[in-house]
C-alpha atoms as a PDB file:
ATOM      1  CA  UNK A   1     -32.941  26.872 -20.298  1.00  0.00           C
ATOM      2  CA  UNK A   2     -29.723  25.121 -19.299  1.00  0.00           C
ATOM      3  CA  UNK A   3     -28.337  28.331 -17.814  1.00  0.00           C
ATOM      4  CA  UNK A   4     -31.462  28.870 -15.720  1.00  0.00           C
ATOM      5  CA  UNK A   5     -31.513  25.210 -14.630  1.00  0.00           C
ATOM      6  CA  UNK A   6     -27.849  25.469 -13.676  1.00  0.00           C
ATOM      7  CA  UNK A   7     -28.547  28.637 -11.692  1.00  0.00           C
ATOM      8  CA  UNK A   8     -31.397  26.918  -9.874  1.00  0.00           C
ATOM      9  CA  UNK A   9     -29.254  23.884  -9.100  1.00  0.00           C
ATOM     10  CA  UNK A  10     -26.474  26.141  -7.824  1.00  0.00           C
ATOM     11  CA  UNK A  11     -28.967  27.912  -5.565  1.00  0.00           C
ATOM     12  CA  UNK A  12     -30.255  24.595  -4.298  1.00  0.00           C
ATOM     13  CA  UNK A  13     -26.761  23.361  -3.558  1.00  0.00           C
ATOM     14  CA  UNK A  14     -26.154  26.486  -1.541  1.00  0.00           C
ATOM     15  CA  UNK A  15     -29.539  26.193   0.141  1.00  0.00           C
ATOM     16  CA  UNK A  16     -28.409  23.036   1.892  1.00  0.00           C
ATOM     17  CA  UNK A  17     -26.652  25.335   4.338  1.00  0.00           C
ATOM     18  CA  UNK A  18     -28.763  28.248   5.620  1.00  0.00           C
ATOM     19  CA  UNK A  19     -25.686  30.440   6.045  1.00  0.00           C
ATOM     20  CA  UNK A  20     -24.557  29.780   2.496  1.00  0.00           C
ATOM     21  CA  UNK A  21     -28.012  30.420   1.097  1.00  0.00           C
ATOM     22  CA  UNK A  22     -28.362  33.750   2.820  1.00  0.00           C
ATOM     23  CA  UNK A  23     -24.899  34.869   1.783  1.00  0.00           C
ATOM     24  CA  UNK A  24     -25.610  33.872  -1.817  1.00  0.00           C
ATOM     25  CA  UNK A  25     -28.959  35.667  -1.866  1.00  0.00           C
ATOM     26  CA  UNK A  26     -27.317  38.847  -0.622  1.00  0.00           C
ATOM     27  CA  UNK A  27     -24.338  38.666  -2.948  1.00  0.00           C
ATOM     28  CA  UNK A  28     -23.989  40.325  -6.300  1.00  0.00           C
ATOM     29  CA  UNK A  29     -23.951  36.856  -7.889  1.00  0.00           C
ATOM     30  CA  UNK A  30     -27.430  36.132  -6.570  1.00  0.00           C
ATOM     31  CA  UNK A  31     -28.680  39.526  -7.664  1.00  0.00           C
ATOM     32  CA  UNK A  32     -27.313  39.285 -11.185  1.00  0.00           C
ATOM     33  CA  UNK A  33     -28.689  35.787 -11.665  1.00  0.00           C
ATOM     34  CA  UNK A  34     -32.156  36.921 -10.638  1.00  0.00           C
ATOM     35  CA  UNK A  35     -31.864  40.098 -12.690  1.00  0.00           C
ATOM     36  CA  UNK A  36     -30.819  38.359 -15.870  1.00  0.00           C
ATOM     37  CA  UNK A  37     -33.586  35.812 -15.427  1.00  0.00           C
ATOM     38  CA  UNK A  38     -36.233  38.478 -14.918  1.00  0.00           C
ATOM     39  CA  UNK A  39     -35.075  40.669 -17.792  1.00  0.00           C
ATOM     40  CA  UNK A  40     -34.483  37.991 -20.392  1.00  0.00           C
ATOM     41  CA  UNK A  41     -37.970  38.298 -21.871  1.00  0.00           C
ATOM     42  CA  UNK A  42     -38.130  34.604 -22.730  1.00  0.00           C
ATOM     43  CA  UNK A  43     -39.055  32.303 -19.911  1.00  0.00           C
ATOM     44  CA  UNK A  44     -38.662  28.557 -20.077  1.00  0.00           C
ATOM     45  CA  UNK A  45     -41.244  26.284 -18.483  1.00  0.00           C
ATOM     46  CA  UNK A  46     -39.033  25.724 -15.437  1.00  0.00           C
ATOM     47  CA  UNK A  47     -38.395  29.405 -14.927  1.00  0.00           C
ATOM     48  CA  UNK A  48     -42.008  30.417 -15.360  1.00  0.00           C
ATOM     49  CA  UNK A  49     -43.357  27.896 -12.861  1.00  0.00           C
ATOM     50  CA  UNK A  50     -40.641  28.681 -10.328  1.00  0.00           C
ATOM     51  CA  UNK A  51     -40.957  32.438 -10.820  1.00  0.00           C
ATOM     52  CA  UNK A  52     -44.719  32.312 -10.347  1.00  0.00           C
ATOM     53  CA  UNK A  53     -44.206  30.470  -7.052  1.00  0.00           C
ATOM     54  CA  UNK A  54     -42.041  33.156  -5.430  1.00  0.00           C
ATOM     55  CA  UNK A  55     -44.885  34.780  -3.473  1.00  0.00           C
ATOM     56  CA  UNK A  56     -46.093  31.396  -2.235  1.00  0.00           C
ATOM     57  CA  UNK A  57     -42.514  30.439  -1.334  1.00  0.00           C
ATOM     58  CA  UNK A  58     -42.156  33.658   0.661  1.00  0.00           C
ATOM     59  CA  UNK A  59     -45.337  32.911   2.595  1.00  0.00           C
ATOM     60  CA  UNK A  60     -44.233  29.336   3.194  1.00  0.00           C
ATOM     61  CA  UNK A  61     -40.826  30.385   4.538  1.00  0.00           C
ATOM     62  CA  UNK A  62     -42.214  33.261   6.606  1.00  0.00           C
ATOM     63  CA  UNK A  63     -44.818  30.999   8.214  1.00  0.00           C
ATOM     64  CA  UNK A  64     -42.268  28.241   8.871  1.00  0.00           C
ATOM     65  CA  UNK A  65     -44.147  25.933   6.532  1.00  0.00           C
ATOM     66  CA  UNK A  66     -47.685  26.597   7.771  1.00  0.00           C
ATOM     67  CA  UNK A  67     -48.866  28.384   4.604  1.00  0.00           C
ATOM     68  CA  UNK A  68     -48.703  26.227   1.487  1.00  0.00           C
ATOM     69  CA  UNK A  69     -49.865  27.907  -1.721  1.00  0.00           C
ATOM     70  CA  UNK A  70     -50.931  26.109  -4.868  1.00  0.00           C
ATOM     71  CA  UNK A  71     -48.217  27.766  -6.980  1.00  0.00           C
ATOM     72  CA  UNK A  72     -45.507  26.602  -4.569  1.00  0.00           C
ATOM     73  CA  UNK A  73     -46.906  23.070  -4.580  1.00  0.00           C
ATOM     74  CA  UNK A  74     -46.815  23.058  -8.385  1.00  0.00           C
ATOM     75  CA  UNK A  75     -43.243  24.369  -8.449  1.00  0.00           C
ATOM     76  CA  UNK A  76     -42.022  21.820  -5.900  1.00  0.00           C
ATOM     77  CA  UNK A  77     -43.630  18.981  -7.838  1.00  0.00           C
ATOM     78  CA  UNK A  78     -42.250  20.308 -11.128  1.00  0.00           C
ATOM     79  CA  UNK A  79     -38.710  20.716  -9.784  1.00  0.00           C
ATOM     80  CA  UNK A  80     -38.652  17.213  -8.315  1.00  0.00           C
ATOM     81  CA  UNK A  81     -40.000  15.676 -11.529  1.00  0.00           C
ATOM     82  CA  UNK A  82     -37.529  17.541 -13.755  1.00  0.00           C
ATOM     83  CA  UNK A  83     -34.508  17.246 -11.455  1.00  0.00           C
ATOM     84  CA  UNK A  84     -34.419  13.873  -9.659  1.00  0.00           C
ATOM     85  CA  UNK A  85     -31.401  14.989  -7.617  1.00  0.00           C
ATOM     86  CA  UNK A  86     -33.710  17.453  -5.825  1.00  0.00           C
ATOM     87  CA  UNK A  87     -36.117  14.816  -4.542  1.00  0.00           C
ATOM     88  CA  UNK A  88     -34.169  14.460  -1.290  1.00  0.00           C
ATOM     89  CA  UNK A  89     -34.417  18.210  -0.561  1.00  0.00           C
ATOM     90  CA  UNK A  90     -37.064  19.337   1.901  1.00  0.00           C
ATOM     91  CA  UNK A  91     -39.880  21.635   0.858  1.00  0.00           C
ATOM     92  CA  UNK A  92     -38.292  24.367   2.992  1.00  0.00           C
ATOM     93  CA  UNK A  93     -34.920  24.001   1.254  1.00  0.00           C
ATOM     94  CA  UNK A  94     -36.546  24.232  -2.158  1.00  0.00           C
ATOM     95  CA  UNK A  95     -38.719  27.196  -1.134  1.00  0.00           C
ATOM     96  CA  UNK A  96     -35.656  29.056   0.132  1.00  0.00           C
ATOM     97  CA  UNK A  97     -33.831  28.277  -3.100  1.00  0.00           C
ATOM     98  CA  UNK A  98     -36.766  29.647  -5.110  1.00  0.00           C
ATOM     99  CA  UNK A  99     -36.546  32.870  -3.110  1.00  0.00           C
ATOM    100  CA  UNK A 100     -32.781  33.066  -3.549  1.00  0.00           C
ATOM    101  CA  UNK A 101     -33.029  32.779  -7.313  1.00  0.00           C
END
């Protein structure tokens, strides 16, 4: 769980800058982090909630925030409750970080 939380926090740190987030998402580091998370077989509570919100996050980002799905709302709330340092991040920053993971 700590590895996945660290990966999420690293993505969120990079998401503060749109250029950094897009370069991370397209890098081999971003791909391997997502691949190892998806293939691990065991999913922590954080990972499961965030993973389930990916489709909603994609819709939110693509619609520039107009489409807000229930799974994304749950993931945003969960991330902010579990990681107080993320409370200052916008919904868009967190949604982009979810997609980059």
